[in-house]
Amino acid sequence: MFLAILDMVINLERYERIRSLREDADLTQERVGKAVNIPQRTYAYYESGQRMVPPQVLCALADFYDVSVDYILGRTSNKKDTR
């Protein structure tokens, strides 16, 4: 039970980061969806947490927003990988 709740919290942060990146860039879901080659509706599902973001889409989003995958996943607060 605890692990399920922890997983939900971690996933929520991921979805909030994706939404925040889009809103900070003043972009629509449709524009981002086209940029990463997915339908707007699918992108909306990712932002709302209704669907898990596949690894290839996660990488495409990181490239599009010029941030690290770790940032989107909530593993760091640094937008760029500084290694």
PDB file of N, CA and C in Angstrom:
ATOM      1  N   MET A   1       0.822  -1.194   0.000  1.00  0.00           N
ATOM      2  CA  MET A   1       0.000   0.000   0.000  1.00  0.00           C
ATOM      3  C   MET A   1       0.866   1.258   0.000  1.00  0.00           C
ATOM      4  N   PHE A   2       1.875   1.279   0.869  1.00  0.00           N
ATOM      5  CA  PHE A   2       2.756   2.439   0.945  1.00  0.00           C
ATOM      6  C   PHE A   2       3.468   2.674  -0.382  1.00  0.00           C
ATOM      7  N   LEU A   3       3.955   1.589  -1.001  1.00  0.00           N
ATOM      8  CA  LEU A   3       4.667   1.727  -2.276  1.00  0.00           C
ATOM      9  C   LEU A   3       3.746   2.232  -3.373  1.00  0.00           C
ATOM     10  N   ALA A   4       2.499   1.815  -3.360  1.00  0.00           N
ATOM     11  CA  ALA A   4       1.539   2.290  -4.355  1.00  0.00           C
ATOM     12  C   ALA A   4       1.305   3.790  -4.196  1.00  0.00           C
ATOM     13  N   ILE A   5       1.192   4.254  -2.974  1.00  0.00           N
ATOM     14  CA  ILE A   5       0.997   5.685  -2.717  1.00  0.00           C
ATOM     15  C   ILE A   5       2.242   6.469  -3.114  1.00  0.00           C
ATOM     16  N   LEU A   6       3.414   5.947  -2.777  1.00  0.00           N
ATOM     17  CA  LEU A   6       4.666   6.597  -3.150  1.00  0.00           C
ATOM     18  C   LEU A   6       4.787   6.697  -4.664  1.00  0.00           C
ATOM     19  N   ASP A   7       4.425   5.638  -5.376  1.00  0.00           N
ATOM     20  CA  ASP A   7       4.469   5.642  -6.834  1.00  0.00           C
ATOM     21  C   ASP A   7       3.527   6.699  -7.398  1.00  0.00           C
ATOM     22  N   MET A   8       2.349   6.858  -6.808  1.00  0.00           N
ATOM     23  CA  MET A   8       1.402   7.871  -7.266  1.00  0.00           C
ATOM     24  C   MET A   8       1.964   9.274  -7.077  1.00  0.00           C
ATOM     25  N   VAL A   9       2.625   9.519  -5.959  1.00  0.00           N
ATOM     26  CA  VAL A   9       3.216  10.836  -5.688  1.00  0.00           C
ATOM     27  C   VAL A   9       4.325  11.130  -6.688  1.00  0.00           C
ATOM     28  N   ILE A  10       5.184  10.157  -6.940  1.00  0.00           N
ATOM     29  CA  ILE A  10       6.276  10.336  -7.903  1.00  0.00           C
ATOM     30  C   ILE A  10       5.716  10.600  -9.290  1.00  0.00           C
ATOM     31  N   ASN A  11       4.708   9.836  -9.696  1.00  0.00           N
ATOM     32  CA  ASN A  11       4.109  10.035 -11.007  1.00  0.00           C
ATOM     33  C   ASN A  11       3.440  11.394 -11.108  1.00  0.00           C
ATOM     34  N   LEU A  12       2.794  11.840 -10.041  1.00  0.00           N
ATOM     35  CA  LEU A  12       2.143  13.144 -10.041  1.00  0.00           C
ATOM     36  C   LEU A  12       3.157  14.247 -10.305  1.00  0.00           C
ATOM     37  N   GLU A  13       4.324  14.153  -9.679  1.00  0.00           N
ATOM     38  CA  GLU A  13       5.360  15.158  -9.910  1.00  0.00           C
ATOM     39  C   GLU A  13       5.793  15.166 -11.374  1.00  0.00           C
ATOM     40  N   ARG A  14       5.925  13.991 -11.956  1.00  0.00           N
ATOM     41  CA  ARG A  14       6.317  13.884 -13.362  1.00  0.00           C
ATOM     42  C   ARG A  14       5.308  14.595 -14.252  1.00  0.00           C
ATOM     43  N   TYR A  15       4.023  14.341 -14.022  1.00  0.00           N
ATOM     44  CA  TYR A  15       2.994  14.952 -14.854  1.00  0.00           C
ATOM     45  C   TYR A  15       2.930  16.460 -14.641  1.00  0.00           C
ATOM     46  N   GLU A  16       3.131  16.887 -13.406  1.00  0.00           N
ATOM     47  CA  GLU A  16       3.152  18.325 -13.136  1.00  0.00           C
ATOM     48  C   GLU A  16       4.330  18.990 -13.836  1.00  0.00           C
ATOM     49  N   ARG A  17       5.457  18.309 -13.886  1.00  0.00           N
ATOM     50  CA  ARG A  17       6.626  18.876 -14.571  1.00  0.00           C
ATOM     51  C   ARG A  17       6.359  19.018 -16.061  1.00  0.00           C
ATOM     52  N   ILE A  18       5.749  18.004 -16.660  1.00  0.00           N
ATOM     53  CA  ILE A  18       5.448  18.064 -18.094  1.00  0.00           C
ATOM     54  C   ILE A  18       4.507  19.231 -18.378  1.00  0.00           C
ATOM     55  N   ARG A  19       3.481  19.369 -17.566  1.00  0.00           N
ATOM     56  CA  ARG A  19       2.528  20.472 -17.753  1.00  0.00           C
ATOM     57  C   ARG A  19       3.213  21.822 -17.534  1.00  0.00           C
ATOM     58  N   SER A  20       4.010  21.921 -16.496  1.00  0.00           N
ATOM     59  CA  SER A  20       4.701  23.166 -16.179  1.00  0.00           C
ATOM     60  C   SER A  20       5.649  23.579 -17.303  1.00  0.00           C
ATOM     61  N   LEU A  21       6.378  22.628 -17.855  1.00  0.00           N
ATOM     62  CA  LEU A  21       7.282  22.942 -18.967  1.00  0.00           C
ATOM     63  C   LEU A  21       6.504  23.505 -20.150  1.00  0.00           C
ATOM     64  N   ARG A  22       5.377  22.895 -20.456  1.00  0.00           N
ATOM     65  CA  ARG A  22       4.560  23.356 -21.582  1.00  0.00           C
ATOM     66  C   ARG A  22       3.999  24.747 -21.317  1.00  0.00           C
ATOM     67  N   GLU A  23       3.459  24.946 -20.125  1.00  0.00           N
ATOM     68  CA  GLU A  23       2.867  26.245 -19.800  1.00  0.00           C
ATOM     69  C   GLU A  23       3.924  27.340 -19.729  1.00  0.00           C
ATOM     70  N   ASP A  24       5.095  27.034 -19.180  1.00  0.00           N
ATOM     71  CA  ASP A  24       6.178  28.021 -19.112  1.00  0.00           C
ATOM     72  C   ASP A  24       6.633  28.449 -20.503  1.00  0.00           C
ATOM     73  N   ALA A  25       6.539  27.528 -21.458  1.00  0.00           N
ATOM     74  CA  ALA A  25       6.925  27.836 -22.840  1.00  0.00           C
ATOM     75  C   ALA A  25       5.766  28.446 -23.624  1.00  0.00           C
ATOM     76  N   ASP A  26       4.614  28.608 -22.966  1.00  0.00           N
ATOM     77  CA  ASP A  26       3.417  29.178 -23.587  1.00  0.00           C
ATOM     78  C   ASP A  26       3.024  28.410 -24.848  1.00  0.00           C
ATOM     79  N   LEU A  27       2.971  27.078 -24.710  1.00  0.00           N
ATOM     80  CA  LEU A  27       2.627  26.207 -25.828  1.00  0.00           C
ATOM     81  C   LEU A  27       1.318  25.482 -25.551  1.00  0.00           C
ATOM     82  N   THR A  28       0.655  25.072 -26.613  1.00  0.00           N
ATOM     83  CA  THR A  28      -0.554  24.264 -26.476  1.00  0.00           C
ATOM     84  C   THR A  28      -0.182  22.783 -26.458  1.00  0.00           C
ATOM     85  N   GLN A  29      -1.092  21.979 -25.955  1.00  0.00           N
ATOM     86  CA  GLN A  29      -0.885  20.533 -25.995  1.00  0.00           C
ATOM     87  C   GLN A  29      -0.762  20.058 -27.441  1.00  0.00           C
ATOM     88  N   GLU A  30      -1.532  20.655 -28.323  1.00  0.00           N
ATOM     89  CA  GLU A  30      -1.479  20.275 -29.737  1.00  0.00           C
ATOM     90  C   GLU A  30      -0.092  20.535 -30.319  1.00  0.00           C
ATOM     91  N   ARG A  31       0.485  21.685 -30.016  1.00  0.00           N
ATOM     92  CA  ARG A  31       1.816  22.033 -30.537  1.00  0.00           C
ATOM     93  C   ARG A  31       2.877  21.059 -30.034  1.00  0.00           C
ATOM     94  N   VAL A  32       2.840  20.739 -28.755  1.00  0.00           N
ATOM     95  CA  VAL A  32       3.822  19.811 -28.191  1.00  0.00           C
ATOM     96  C   VAL A  32       3.606  18.415 -28.768  1.00  0.00           C
ATOM     97  N   GLY A  33       2.359  18.001 -28.875  1.00  0.00           N
ATOM     98  CA  GLY A  33       2.061  16.695 -29.460  1.00  0.00           C
ATOM     99  C   GLY A  33       2.631  16.563 -30.859  1.00  0.00           C
ATOM    100  N   LYS A  34       2.438  17.585 -31.675  1.00  0.00           N
ATOM    101  CA  LYS A  34       2.991  17.557 -33.036  1.00  0.00           C
ATOM    102  C   LYS A  34       4.510  17.496 -33.008  1.00  0.00           C
ATOM    103  N   ALA A  35       5.122  18.227 -32.095  1.00  0.00           N
ATOM    104  CA  ALA A  35       6.586  18.270 -32.019  1.00  0.00           C
ATOM    105  C   ALA A  35       7.181  16.913 -31.652  1.00  0.00           C
ATOM    106  N   VAL A  36       6.466  16.145 -30.834  1.00  0.00           N
ATOM    107  CA  VAL A  36       6.991  14.833 -30.416  1.00  0.00           C
ATOM    108  C   VAL A  36       6.253  13.684 -31.107  1.00  0.00           C
ATOM    109  N   ASN A  37       5.448  14.032 -32.093  1.00  0.00           N
ATOM    110  CA  ASN A  37       4.814  13.044 -32.969  1.00  0.00           C
ATOM    111  C   ASN A  37       3.766  12.169 -32.274  1.00  0.00           C
ATOM    112  N   ILE A  38       2.935  12.790 -31.444  1.00  0.00           N
ATOM    113  CA  ILE A  38       1.828  12.079 -30.811  1.00  0.00           C
ATOM    114  C   ILE A  38       0.578  12.951 -30.907  1.00  0.00           C
ATOM    115  N   PRO A  39      -0.612  12.345 -30.873  1.00  0.00           N
ATOM    116  CA  PRO A  39      -1.841  13.146 -30.908  1.00  0.00           C
ATOM    117  C   PRO A  39      -1.990  14.011 -29.652  1.00  0.00           C
ATOM    118  N   GLN A  40      -2.685  15.119 -29.798  1.00  0.00           N
ATOM    119  CA  GLN A  40      -2.922  16.023 -28.668  1.00  0.00           C
ATOM    120  C   GLN A  40      -3.601  15.289 -27.525  1.00  0.00           C
ATOM    121  N   ARG A  41      -4.546  14.436 -27.841  1.00  0.00           N
ATOM    122  CA  ARG A  41      -5.292  13.714 -26.806  1.00  0.00           C
ATOM    123  C   ARG A  41      -4.365  12.822 -25.977  1.00  0.00           C
ATOM    124  N   THR A  42      -3.436  12.172 -26.652  1.00  0.00           N
ATOM    125  CA  THR A  42      -2.471  11.316 -25.953  1.00  0.00           C
ATOM    126  C   THR A  42      -1.616  12.156 -25.019  1.00  0.00           C
ATOM    127  N   TYR A  43      -1.165  13.309 -25.520  1.00  0.00           N
ATOM    128  CA  TYR A  43      -0.370  14.200 -24.675  1.00  0.00           C
ATOM    129  C   TYR A  43      -1.181  14.648 -23.462  1.00  0.00           C
ATOM    130  N   ALA A  44      -2.452  14.944 -23.664  1.00  0.00           N
ATOM    131  CA  ALA A  44      -3.320  15.351 -22.552  1.00  0.00           C
ATOM    132  C   ALA A  44      -3.422  14.231 -21.514  1.00  0.00           C
ATOM    133  N   TYR A  45      -3.491  12.992 -21.975  1.00  0.00           N
ATOM    134  CA  TYR A  45      -3.518  11.852 -21.043  1.00  0.00           C
ATOM    135  C   TYR A  45      -2.233  11.797 -20.225  1.00  0.00           C
ATOM    136  N   TYR A  46      -1.112  12.073 -20.851  1.00  0.00           N
ATOM    137  CA  TYR A  46       0.165  12.065 -20.123  1.00  0.00           C
ATOM    138  C   TYR A  46       0.182  13.165 -19.059  1.00  0.00           C
ATOM    139  N   GLU A  47      -0.250  14.353 -19.437  1.00  0.00           N
ATOM    140  CA  GLU A  47      -0.254  15.478 -18.494  1.00  0.00           C
ATOM    141  C   GLU A  47      -1.175  15.238 -17.308  1.00  0.00           C
ATOM    142  N   SER A  48      -2.272  14.561 -17.546  1.00  0.00           N
ATOM    143  CA  SER A  48      -3.244  14.334 -16.469  1.00  0.00           C
ATOM    144  C   SER A  48      -2.934  13.081 -15.655  1.00  0.00           C
ATOM    145  N   GLY A  49      -1.950  12.314 -16.095  1.00  0.00           N
ATOM    146  CA  GLY A  49      -1.588  11.098 -15.377  1.00  0.00           C
ATOM    147  C   GLY A  49      -2.466   9.909 -15.699  1.00  0.00           C
ATOM    148  N   GLN A  50      -3.291  10.035 -16.729  1.00  0.00           N
ATOM    149  CA  GLN A  50      -4.166   8.929 -17.102  1.00  0.00           C
ATOM    150  C   GLN A  50      -3.420   7.834 -17.859  1.00  0.00           C
ATOM    151  N   ARG A  51      -2.260   8.172 -18.400  1.00  0.00           N
ATOM    152  CA  ARG A  51      -1.415   7.193 -19.084  1.00  0.00           C
ATOM    153  C   ARG A  51       0.034   7.432 -18.708  1.00  0.00           C
ATOM    154  N   MET A  52       0.788   6.349 -18.668  1.00  0.00           N
ATOM    155  CA  MET A  52       2.226   6.443 -18.430  1.00  0.00           C
ATOM    156  C   MET A  52       2.906   6.946 -19.703  1.00  0.00           C
ATOM    157  N   VAL A  53       3.947   7.732 -19.542  1.00  0.00           N
ATOM    158  CA  VAL A  53       4.700   8.252 -20.684  1.00  0.00           C
ATOM    159  C   VAL A  53       5.733   7.199 -21.089  1.00  0.00           C
ATOM    160  N   PRO A  54       5.658   6.687 -22.330  1.00  0.00           N
ATOM    161  CA  PRO A  54       6.640   5.698 -22.776  1.00  0.00           C
ATOM    162  C   PRO A  54       8.041   6.311 -22.842  1.00  0.00           C
ATOM    163  N   PRO A  55       9.075   5.488 -22.683  1.00  0.00           N
ATOM    164  CA  PRO A  55      10.449   6.005 -22.686  1.00  0.00           C
ATOM    165  C   PRO A  55      10.799   6.832 -23.922  1.00  0.00           C
ATOM    166  N   GLN A  56      10.357   6.405 -25.105  1.00  0.00           N
ATOM    167  CA  GLN A  56      10.708   7.148 -26.314  1.00  0.00           C
ATOM    168  C   GLN A  56      10.054   8.530 -26.336  1.00  0.00           C
ATOM    169  N   VAL A  57       8.856   8.646 -25.783  1.00  0.00           N
ATOM    170  CA  VAL A  57       8.185   9.947 -25.705  1.00  0.00           C
ATOM    171  C   VAL A  57       8.846  10.798 -24.626  1.00  0.00           C
ATOM    172  N   LEU A  58       9.224  10.174 -23.532  1.00  0.00           N
ATOM    173  CA  LEU A  58       9.927  10.882 -22.462  1.00  0.00           C
ATOM    174  C   LEU A  58      11.214  11.513 -22.993  1.00  0.00           C
ATOM    175  N   CYS A  59      11.963  10.757 -23.771  1.00  0.00           N
ATOM    176  CA  CYS A  59      13.200  11.284 -24.369  1.00  0.00           C
ATOM    177  C   CYS A  59      12.897  12.404 -25.355  1.00  0.00           C
ATOM    178  N   ALA A  60      11.849  12.233 -26.156  1.00  0.00           N
ATOM    179  CA  ALA A  60      11.472  13.267 -27.125  1.00  0.00           C
ATOM    180  C   ALA A  60      11.059  14.555 -26.409  1.00  0.00           C
ATOM    181  N   LEU A  61      10.324  14.431 -25.309  1.00  0.00           N
ATOM    182  CA  LEU A  61       9.924  15.612 -24.539  1.00  0.00           C
ATOM    183  C   LEU A  61      11.136  16.308 -23.931  1.00  0.00           C
ATOM    184  N   ALA A  62      12.061  15.528 -23.395  1.00  0.00           N
ATOM    185  CA  ALA A  62      13.278  16.117 -22.818  1.00  0.00           C
ATOM    186  C   ALA A  62      14.058  16.873 -23.888  1.00  0.00           C
ATOM    187  N   ASP A  63      14.182  16.293 -25.069  1.00  0.00           N
ATOM    188  CA  ASP A  63      14.878  16.974 -26.170  1.00  0.00           C
ATOM    189  C   ASP A  63      14.135  18.241 -26.582  1.00  0.00           C
ATOM    190  N   PHE A  64      12.818  18.137 -26.705  1.00  0.00           N
ATOM    191  CA  PHE A  64      12.015  19.276 -27.136  1.00  0.00           C
ATOM    192  C   PHE A  64      12.117  20.444 -26.157  1.00  0.00           C
ATOM    193  N   TYR A  65      12.036  20.151 -24.863  1.00  0.00           N
ATOM    194  CA  TYR A  65      12.088  21.197 -23.843  1.00  0.00           C
ATOM    195  C   TYR A  65      13.513  21.552 -23.431  1.00  0.00           C
ATOM    196  N   ASP A  66      14.487  20.824 -23.965  1.00  0.00           N
ATOM    197  CA  ASP A  66      15.903  21.040 -23.647  1.00  0.00           C
ATOM    198  C   ASP A  66      16.156  20.908 -22.142  1.00  0.00           C
ATOM    199  N   VAL A  67      15.638  19.825 -21.586  1.00  0.00           N
ATOM    200  CA  VAL A  67      15.863  19.485 -20.182  1.00  0.00           C
ATOM    201  C   VAL A  67      16.300  18.026 -20.116  1.00  0.00           C
ATOM    202  N   SER A  68      16.763  17.610 -18.954  1.00  0.00           N
ATOM    203  CA  SER A  68      17.157  16.208 -18.802  1.00  0.00           C
ATOM    204  C   SER A  68      15.930  15.343 -18.506  1.00  0.00           C
ATOM    205  N   VAL A  69      16.033  14.086 -18.868  1.00  0.00           N
ATOM    206  CA  VAL A  69      14.984  13.128 -18.527  1.00  0.00           C
ATOM    207  C   VAL A  69      14.848  13.049 -17.005  1.00  0.00           C
ATOM    208  N   ASP A  70      15.975  13.116 -16.309  1.00  0.00           N
ATOM    209  CA  ASP A  70      15.934  13.087 -14.840  1.00  0.00           C
ATOM    210  C   ASP A  70      15.104  14.241 -14.281  1.00  0.00           C
ATOM    211  N   TYR A  71      15.158  15.395 -14.912  1.00  0.00           N
ATOM    212  CA  TYR A  71      14.347  16.526 -14.454  1.00  0.00           C
ATOM    213  C   TYR A  71      12.859  16.199 -14.602  1.00  0.00           C
ATOM    214  N   ILE A  72      12.473  15.680 -15.756  1.00  0.00           N
ATOM    215  CA  ILE A  72      11.066  15.339 -15.971  1.00  0.00           C
ATOM    216  C   ILE A  72      10.614  14.272 -14.981  1.00  0.00           C
ATOM    217  N   LEU A  73      11.485  13.320 -14.700  1.00  0.00           N
ATOM    218  CA  LEU A  73      11.136  12.236 -13.778  1.00  0.00           C
ATOM    219  C   LEU A  73      11.144  12.671 -12.318  1.00  0.00           C
ATOM    220  N   GLY A  74      11.612  13.889 -12.051  1.00  0.00           N
ATOM    221  CA  GLY A  74      11.642  14.383 -10.682  1.00  0.00           C
ATOM    222  C   GLY A  74      12.833  13.890  -9.888  1.00  0.00           C
ATOM    223  N   ARG A  75      13.848  13.388 -10.586  1.00  0.00           N
ATOM    224  CA  ARG A  75      15.044  12.874  -9.909  1.00  0.00           C
ATOM    225  C   ARG A  75      16.038  13.980  -9.586  1.00  0.00           C
ATOM    226  N   THR A  76      15.830  15.150 -10.175  1.00  0.00           N
ATOM    227  CA  THR A  76      16.691  16.304  -9.920  1.00  0.00           C
ATOM    228  C   THR A  76      15.878  17.577 -10.108  1.00  0.00           C
ATOM    229  N   SER A  77      16.330  18.639  -9.482  1.00  0.00           N
ATOM    230  CA  SER A  77      15.680  19.934  -9.695  1.00  0.00           C
ATOM    231  C   SER A  77      16.433  20.754 -10.734  1.00  0.00           C
ATOM    232  N   ASN A  78      17.574  20.225 -11.212  1.00  0.00           N
ATOM    233  CA  ASN A  78      18.341  20.878 -12.280  1.00  0.00           C
ATOM    234  C   ASN A  78      17.734  20.506 -13.622  1.00  0.00           C
ATOM    235  N   LYS A  79      17.391  21.502 -14.408  1.00  0.00           N
ATOM    236  CA  LYS A  79      16.768  21.210 -15.695  1.00  0.00           C
ATOM    237  C   LYS A  79      17.729  20.526 -16.665  1.00  0.00           C
ATOM    238  N   LYS A  80      18.996  20.843 -16.559  1.00  0.00           N
ATOM    239  CA  LYS A  80      19.992  20.263 -17.469  1.00  0.00           C
ATOM    240  C   LYS A  80      20.901  19.323 -16.709  1.00  0.00           C
ATOM    241  N   ASP A  81      21.373  18.312 -17.407  1.00  0.00           N
ATOM    242  CA  ASP A  81      22.354  17.391 -16.828  1.00  0.00           C
ATOM    243  C   ASP A  81      23.680  18.132 -16.755  1.00  0.00           C
ATOM    244  N   THR A  82      24.247  18.226 -15.566  1.00  0.00           N
ATOM    245  CA  THR A  82      25.470  19.019 -15.381  1.00  0.00           C
ATOM    246  C   THR A  82      26.720  18.164 -15.256  1.00  0.00           C
ATOM    247  N   ARG A  83      26.602  16.894 -15.607  1.00  0.00           N
ATOM    248  CA  ARG A  83      27.782  16.024 -15.512  1.00  0.00           C
ATOM    249  C   ARG A  83      28.751  16.270 -16.613  1.00  0.00           C
TER     250      ARG A  83
END
